[in-house]
Amino acid sequence: MTRRGRLSTAGPDARLSSPSRRTPDPAPVVPVVGPVRTCVGCRATGPRSALLRVVAPATGPGVPELVVDVGRRMPGRGAWLHPDRACLELAERRRAFGRALRLPGPPGTRAVHEHLEQQHEQ
């Protein structure tokens, strides 16, 4: 005798429950090789090799200026960004660099814009 909602058998032959809003089907798992980082602009994740690392080096008082860490080895806190103008503009509009790098105000992004322009020309 089985109760309502319980399965009479367990194992691979058992009936799976139907998906609902409370328990949707799990998203397909896509294996990613290597470290995964989140873009501060679009908030999408991607492999570390596909994103730019941006750092605000300690230069003293004034408005901090962002620097692209090409070798991904500079000291300090870094923010990751897709090498795309749209992601950079979205990060600036959301003021994401200040939050990600824990800065008191919005940093200058001139060097990041120049780096993306150079990459686009090549």
N, C-alpha and C. Protein backbone atom coordinates (compact mmCIF):
# COMPACT_ATOMS: atom_id res chain seq x y z
N MET A 1 0.84 -1.17 0.00
CA MET A 1 0.00 0.00 0.00
C MET A 1 0.89 1.24 0.00
N THR A 2 0.65 2.11 -0.93
CA THR A 2 1.46 3.33 -1.01
C THR A 2 0.60 4.53 -0.69
N ARG A 3 1.21 5.54 -0.16
CA ARG A 3 0.52 6.79 0.13
C ARG A 3 0.64 7.72 -1.07
N ARG A 4 -0.24 8.65 -1.13
CA ARG A 4 -0.22 9.61 -2.21
C ARG A 4 1.09 10.41 -2.16
N GLY A 5 1.76 10.54 -3.30
CA GLY A 5 2.98 11.34 -3.35
C GLY A 5 4.24 10.54 -3.13
N ARG A 6 4.12 9.31 -2.70
CA ARG A 6 5.32 8.49 -2.50
C ARG A 6 5.46 7.53 -3.65
N LEU A 7 6.68 7.17 -3.90
CA LEU A 7 6.95 6.21 -4.96
C LEU A 7 6.95 4.80 -4.37
N SER A 8 6.48 3.87 -5.15
CA SER A 8 6.48 2.49 -4.67
C SER A 8 7.87 1.87 -4.84
N THR A 9 8.64 2.36 -5.79
CA THR A 9 9.99 1.85 -6.00
C THR A 9 10.96 3.01 -6.04
N ALA A 10 12.17 2.73 -5.74
CA ALA A 10 13.22 3.74 -5.80
C ALA A 10 14.28 3.27 -6.78
N GLY A 11 15.10 4.18 -7.21
CA GLY A 11 16.17 3.81 -8.12
C GLY A 11 15.98 4.44 -9.48
N PRO A 12 16.70 3.95 -10.48
CA PRO A 12 16.65 4.59 -11.80
C PRO A 12 15.30 4.44 -12.50
N ASP A 13 14.47 3.46 -12.10
CA ASP A 13 13.16 3.27 -12.72
C ASP A 13 12.08 4.10 -12.07
N ALA A 14 12.42 4.84 -11.03
CA ALA A 14 11.41 5.61 -10.30
C ALA A 14 10.92 6.78 -11.15
N ARG A 15 9.66 7.12 -10.98
CA ARG A 15 9.05 8.23 -11.70
C ARG A 15 9.57 9.55 -11.12
N LEU A 16 9.98 10.44 -11.99
CA LEU A 16 10.47 11.74 -11.54
C LEU A 16 9.29 12.68 -11.38
N SER A 17 9.38 13.57 -10.41
CA SER A 17 8.30 14.53 -10.21
C SER A 17 8.34 15.56 -11.33
N SER A 18 7.19 16.10 -11.66
CA SER A 18 7.12 17.08 -12.73
C SER A 18 7.64 18.42 -12.23
N PRO A 19 8.26 19.21 -13.11
CA PRO A 19 8.77 20.51 -12.68
C PRO A 19 7.63 21.49 -12.40
N SER A 20 7.88 22.39 -11.51
CA SER A 20 6.91 23.44 -11.21
C SER A 20 7.66 24.73 -10.99
N ARG A 21 6.92 25.78 -10.64
CA ARG A 21 7.61 27.05 -10.39
C ARG A 21 8.47 26.96 -9.15
N ARG A 22 8.07 26.19 -8.19
CA ARG A 22 8.85 26.08 -6.96
C ARG A 22 10.08 25.21 -7.15
N THR A 23 9.98 24.20 -7.96
CA THR A 23 11.12 23.32 -8.21
C THR A 23 11.32 23.18 -9.71
N PRO A 24 11.92 24.20 -10.34
CA PRO A 24 12.14 24.11 -11.79
C PRO A 24 13.22 23.10 -12.12
N ASP A 25 13.25 22.72 -13.38
CA ASP A 25 14.31 21.83 -13.83
C ASP A 25 15.65 22.50 -13.61
N PRO A 26 16.64 21.76 -13.12
CA PRO A 26 17.96 22.38 -12.93
C PRO A 26 18.57 22.76 -14.27
N ALA A 27 19.32 23.84 -14.25
CA ALA A 27 19.99 24.31 -15.47
C ALA A 27 21.03 23.28 -15.88
N PRO A 28 21.24 23.12 -17.16
CA PRO A 28 22.27 22.16 -17.60
C PRO A 28 23.64 22.61 -17.12
N VAL A 29 24.40 21.68 -16.67
CA VAL A 29 25.73 21.97 -16.15
C VAL A 29 26.71 21.94 -17.31
N VAL A 30 27.37 23.08 -17.52
CA VAL A 30 28.37 23.19 -18.57
C VAL A 30 29.73 23.20 -17.90
N PRO A 31 30.55 22.20 -18.16
CA PRO A 31 31.86 22.18 -17.51
C PRO A 31 32.76 23.28 -18.05
N VAL A 32 33.36 24.04 -17.14
CA VAL A 32 34.28 25.10 -17.50
C VAL A 32 35.64 24.71 -16.95
N VAL A 33 36.63 24.76 -17.81
CA VAL A 33 37.97 24.39 -17.40
C VAL A 33 38.68 25.64 -16.91
N GLY A 34 39.24 25.58 -15.72
CA GLY A 34 39.98 26.70 -15.17
C GLY A 34 39.11 27.61 -14.31
N PRO A 35 39.71 28.67 -13.78
CA PRO A 35 38.99 29.58 -12.91
C PRO A 35 37.90 30.36 -13.66
N VAL A 36 36.82 30.64 -12.98
CA VAL A 36 35.69 31.37 -13.55
C VAL A 36 35.58 32.71 -12.82
N ARG A 37 35.37 33.78 -13.57
CA ARG A 37 35.22 35.11 -12.99
C ARG A 37 33.92 35.73 -13.50
N THR A 38 33.44 36.76 -12.82
CA THR A 38 32.21 37.45 -13.20
C THR A 38 32.54 38.84 -13.71
N CYS A 39 32.00 39.20 -14.85
CA CYS A 39 32.19 40.52 -15.44
C CYS A 39 31.41 41.53 -14.62
N VAL A 40 32.05 42.65 -14.24
CA VAL A 40 31.36 43.66 -13.45
C VAL A 40 30.37 44.45 -14.28
N GLY A 41 30.46 44.38 -15.60
CA GLY A 41 29.54 45.10 -16.46
C GLY A 41 28.24 44.35 -16.67
N CYS A 42 28.33 43.19 -17.32
CA CYS A 42 27.12 42.44 -17.67
C CYS A 42 26.76 41.38 -16.64
N ARG A 43 27.61 41.14 -15.66
CA ARG A 43 27.39 40.17 -14.59
C ARG A 43 27.35 38.72 -15.08
N ALA A 44 27.86 38.46 -16.27
CA ALA A 44 27.94 37.10 -16.80
C ALA A 44 29.27 36.49 -16.38
N THR A 45 29.28 35.20 -16.17
CA THR A 45 30.51 34.52 -15.80
C THR A 45 31.21 34.02 -17.05
N GLY A 46 32.51 33.86 -16.91
CA GLY A 46 33.30 33.36 -18.03
C GLY A 46 34.67 32.92 -17.53
N PRO A 47 35.41 32.24 -18.37
CA PRO A 47 36.75 31.82 -17.97
C PRO A 47 37.65 33.04 -17.77
N ARG A 48 38.56 32.89 -16.85
CA ARG A 48 39.47 33.98 -16.51
C ARG A 48 40.27 34.45 -17.72
N SER A 49 40.58 33.55 -18.62
CA SER A 49 41.38 33.89 -19.80
C SER A 49 40.62 34.78 -20.77
N ALA A 50 39.29 34.83 -20.69
CA ALA A 50 38.50 35.62 -21.62
C ALA A 50 38.17 37.02 -21.08
N LEU A 51 38.54 37.31 -19.84
CA LEU A 51 38.20 38.60 -19.22
C LEU A 51 39.45 39.42 -18.95
N LEU A 52 39.27 40.74 -18.88
CA LEU A 52 40.35 41.66 -18.52
C LEU A 52 40.33 41.91 -17.03
N ARG A 53 41.49 41.98 -16.42
CA ARG A 53 41.57 42.33 -15.01
C ARG A 53 41.91 43.82 -14.93
N VAL A 54 41.13 44.55 -14.15
CA VAL A 54 41.30 45.99 -13.99
C VAL A 54 41.62 46.26 -12.53
N VAL A 55 42.65 47.09 -12.28
CA VAL A 55 43.11 47.38 -10.93
C VAL A 55 43.19 48.89 -10.75
N ALA A 56 42.95 49.35 -9.54
CA ALA A 56 43.14 50.76 -9.20
C ALA A 56 44.35 50.85 -8.26
N PRO A 57 45.55 51.10 -8.81
CA PRO A 57 46.73 51.15 -7.95
C PRO A 57 46.67 52.33 -6.99
N ALA A 58 47.28 52.16 -5.84
CA ALA A 58 47.31 53.22 -4.84
C ALA A 58 48.29 54.30 -5.28
N THR A 59 47.76 55.46 -5.69
CA THR A 59 48.61 56.54 -6.17
C THR A 59 48.59 57.74 -5.23
N GLY A 60 47.80 57.70 -4.20
CA GLY A 60 47.72 58.81 -3.28
C GLY A 60 46.36 59.47 -3.33
N PRO A 61 46.28 60.72 -2.86
CA PRO A 61 44.98 61.40 -2.84
C PRO A 61 44.52 61.77 -4.25
N GLY A 62 43.24 61.98 -4.38
CA GLY A 62 42.69 62.34 -5.68
C GLY A 62 41.82 61.22 -6.24
N VAL A 63 41.40 61.41 -7.47
CA VAL A 63 40.56 60.41 -8.13
C VAL A 63 41.43 59.26 -8.60
N PRO A 64 41.14 58.03 -8.16
CA PRO A 64 41.95 56.89 -8.62
C PRO A 64 41.71 56.62 -10.10
N GLU A 65 42.74 56.22 -10.80
CA GLU A 65 42.66 55.91 -12.23
C GLU A 65 42.84 54.41 -12.41
N LEU A 66 41.94 53.78 -13.14
CA LEU A 66 42.01 52.34 -13.37
C LEU A 66 43.13 52.01 -14.36
N VAL A 67 43.73 50.85 -14.17
CA VAL A 67 44.80 50.35 -15.03
C VAL A 67 44.43 48.93 -15.43
N VAL A 68 44.64 48.59 -16.70
CA VAL A 68 44.40 47.22 -17.16
C VAL A 68 45.61 46.38 -16.78
N ASP A 69 45.35 45.30 -16.06
CA ASP A 69 46.39 44.37 -15.63
C ASP A 69 46.51 43.27 -16.67
N VAL A 70 47.37 43.51 -17.67
CA VAL A 70 47.49 42.58 -18.80
C VAL A 70 48.04 41.24 -18.33
N GLY A 71 49.01 41.24 -17.44
CA GLY A 71 49.61 40.00 -16.96
C GLY A 71 48.82 39.34 -15.85
N ARG A 72 47.78 39.99 -15.36
CA ARG A 72 46.92 39.48 -14.28
C ARG A 72 47.72 39.16 -13.02
N ARG A 73 48.71 40.00 -12.72
CA ARG A 73 49.57 39.74 -11.57
C ARG A 73 49.77 40.95 -10.66
N MET A 74 49.17 42.09 -10.98
CA MET A 74 49.40 43.29 -10.17
C MET A 74 48.81 43.10 -8.78
N PRO A 75 49.45 43.69 -7.78
CA PRO A 75 48.91 43.56 -6.42
C PRO A 75 47.63 44.37 -6.25
N GLY A 76 46.86 43.96 -5.30
CA GLY A 76 45.64 44.68 -4.97
C GLY A 76 44.40 44.00 -5.49
N ARG A 77 43.31 44.60 -5.14
CA ARG A 77 42.00 44.07 -5.52
C ARG A 77 41.75 44.35 -6.99
N GLY A 78 41.20 43.38 -7.69
CA GLY A 78 40.95 43.53 -9.11
C GLY A 78 39.48 43.32 -9.45
N ALA A 79 39.07 43.90 -10.56
CA ALA A 79 37.73 43.71 -11.09
C ALA A 79 37.88 43.11 -12.48
N TRP A 80 36.96 42.25 -12.87
CA TRP A 80 37.05 41.56 -14.14
C TRP A 80 36.00 42.10 -15.09
N LEU A 81 36.38 42.22 -16.37
CA LEU A 81 35.53 42.86 -17.36
C LEU A 81 35.72 42.17 -18.71
N HIS A 82 34.61 41.95 -19.44
CA HIS A 82 34.73 41.45 -20.80
C HIS A 82 35.41 42.52 -21.65
N PRO A 83 36.27 42.15 -22.59
CA PRO A 83 36.93 43.15 -23.45
C PRO A 83 35.96 43.68 -24.51
N ASP A 84 34.94 44.36 -24.06
CA ASP A 84 33.87 44.85 -24.93
C ASP A 84 33.45 46.23 -24.44
N ARG A 85 33.26 47.15 -25.37
CA ARG A 85 32.85 48.51 -24.99
C ARG A 85 31.51 48.52 -24.27
N ALA A 86 30.61 47.65 -24.69
CA ALA A 86 29.28 47.62 -24.07
C ALA A 86 29.37 47.25 -22.59
N CYS A 87 30.21 46.29 -22.26
CA CYS A 87 30.38 45.91 -20.85
C CYS A 87 31.03 47.02 -20.05
N LEU A 88 32.00 47.72 -20.66
CA LEU A 88 32.65 48.84 -19.98
C LEU A 88 31.65 49.96 -19.71
N GLU A 89 30.85 50.31 -20.70
CA GLU A 89 29.86 51.37 -20.51
C GLU A 89 28.81 50.97 -19.48
N LEU A 90 28.42 49.71 -19.48
CA LEU A 90 27.46 49.24 -18.50
C LEU A 90 28.04 49.28 -17.10
N ALA A 91 29.30 48.92 -16.96
CA ALA A 91 29.96 48.98 -15.64
C ALA A 91 30.08 50.42 -15.16
N GLU A 92 30.37 51.34 -16.07
CA GLU A 92 30.45 52.76 -15.68
C GLU A 92 29.07 53.28 -15.27
N ARG A 93 28.05 52.91 -16.03
CA ARG A 93 26.70 53.38 -15.72
C ARG A 93 26.21 52.84 -14.38
N ARG A 94 26.56 51.61 -14.08
CA ARG A 94 26.15 50.99 -12.81
C ARG A 94 27.07 51.36 -11.65
N ARG A 95 28.15 52.07 -11.95
CA ARG A 95 29.18 52.41 -10.95
C ARG A 95 29.73 51.16 -10.27
N ALA A 96 29.96 50.14 -11.08
CA ALA A 96 30.39 48.84 -10.57
C ALA A 96 31.86 48.80 -10.18
N PHE A 97 32.70 49.61 -10.83
CA PHE A 97 34.12 49.58 -10.49
C PHE A 97 34.37 50.05 -9.07
N GLY A 98 33.68 51.10 -8.65
CA GLY A 98 33.85 51.60 -7.29
C GLY A 98 33.47 50.56 -6.25
N ARG A 99 32.39 49.82 -6.50
CA ARG A 99 31.97 48.78 -5.55
C ARG A 99 32.90 47.58 -5.58
N ALA A 100 33.27 47.13 -6.77
CA ALA A 100 34.10 45.94 -6.87
C ALA A 100 35.49 46.15 -6.30
N LEU A 101 36.02 47.36 -6.49
CA LEU A 101 37.38 47.65 -6.01
C LEU A 101 37.39 48.32 -4.65
N ARG A 102 36.20 48.52 -4.10
CA ARG A 102 36.04 49.15 -2.77
C ARG A 102 36.69 50.53 -2.72
N LEU A 103 36.31 51.36 -3.68
CA LEU A 103 36.83 52.72 -3.75
C LEU A 103 35.77 53.69 -3.24
N PRO A 104 36.20 54.83 -2.69
CA PRO A 104 35.21 55.78 -2.15
C PRO A 104 34.37 56.48 -3.22
N GLY A 105 34.88 56.61 -4.41
CA GLY A 105 34.14 57.28 -5.48
C GLY A 105 34.37 56.61 -6.81
N PRO A 106 33.76 57.14 -7.86
CA PRO A 106 33.96 56.53 -9.17
C PRO A 106 35.38 56.79 -9.70
N PRO A 107 36.07 55.75 -10.15
CA PRO A 107 37.43 55.92 -10.66
C PRO A 107 37.44 56.37 -12.11
N GLY A 108 38.58 56.86 -12.57
CA GLY A 108 38.75 57.23 -13.97
C GLY A 108 38.96 56.00 -14.82
N THR A 109 38.35 55.96 -15.99
CA THR A 109 38.43 54.78 -16.84
C THR A 109 39.09 55.06 -18.19
N ARG A 110 39.85 56.14 -18.28
CA ARG A 110 40.48 56.52 -19.54
C ARG A 110 41.41 55.43 -20.06
N ALA A 111 42.24 54.85 -19.20
CA ALA A 111 43.20 53.83 -19.62
C ALA A 111 42.49 52.56 -20.11
N VAL A 112 41.35 52.24 -19.53
CA VAL A 112 40.61 51.05 -19.97
C VAL A 112 40.02 51.30 -21.35
N HIS A 113 39.48 52.51 -21.58
CA HIS A 113 38.95 52.87 -22.89
C HIS A 113 40.04 52.79 -23.96
N GLU A 114 41.23 53.31 -23.63
CA GLU A 114 42.35 53.28 -24.58
C GLU A 114 42.78 51.85 -24.89
N HIS A 115 42.82 51.01 -23.87
CA HIS A 115 43.21 49.61 -24.08
C HIS A 115 42.21 48.90 -24.99
N LEU A 116 40.93 49.13 -24.78
CA LEU A 116 39.91 48.50 -25.62
C LEU A 116 39.98 49.02 -27.06
N GLU A 117 40.28 50.30 -27.21
CA GLU A 117 40.42 50.84 -28.57
C GLU A 117 41.61 50.21 -29.28
N GLN A 118 42.71 50.02 -28.58
CA GLN A 118 43.88 49.37 -29.18
C GLN A 118 43.56 47.94 -29.57
N GLN A 119 42.84 47.23 -28.72
CA GLN A 119 42.46 45.85 -29.02
C GLN A 119 41.52 45.77 -30.21
N HIS A 120 40.65 46.76 -30.33
CA HIS A 120 39.69 46.78 -31.42
C HIS A 120 40.38 47.06 -32.76
N GLU A 121 41.42 47.91 -32.74
CA GLU A 121 42.17 48.23 -33.96
C GLU A 121 42.95 47.02 -34.47
N GLN A 122 43.42 46.19 -33.57
CA GLN A 122 44.25 45.03 -33.98
C GLN A 122 43.44 43.90 -34.48
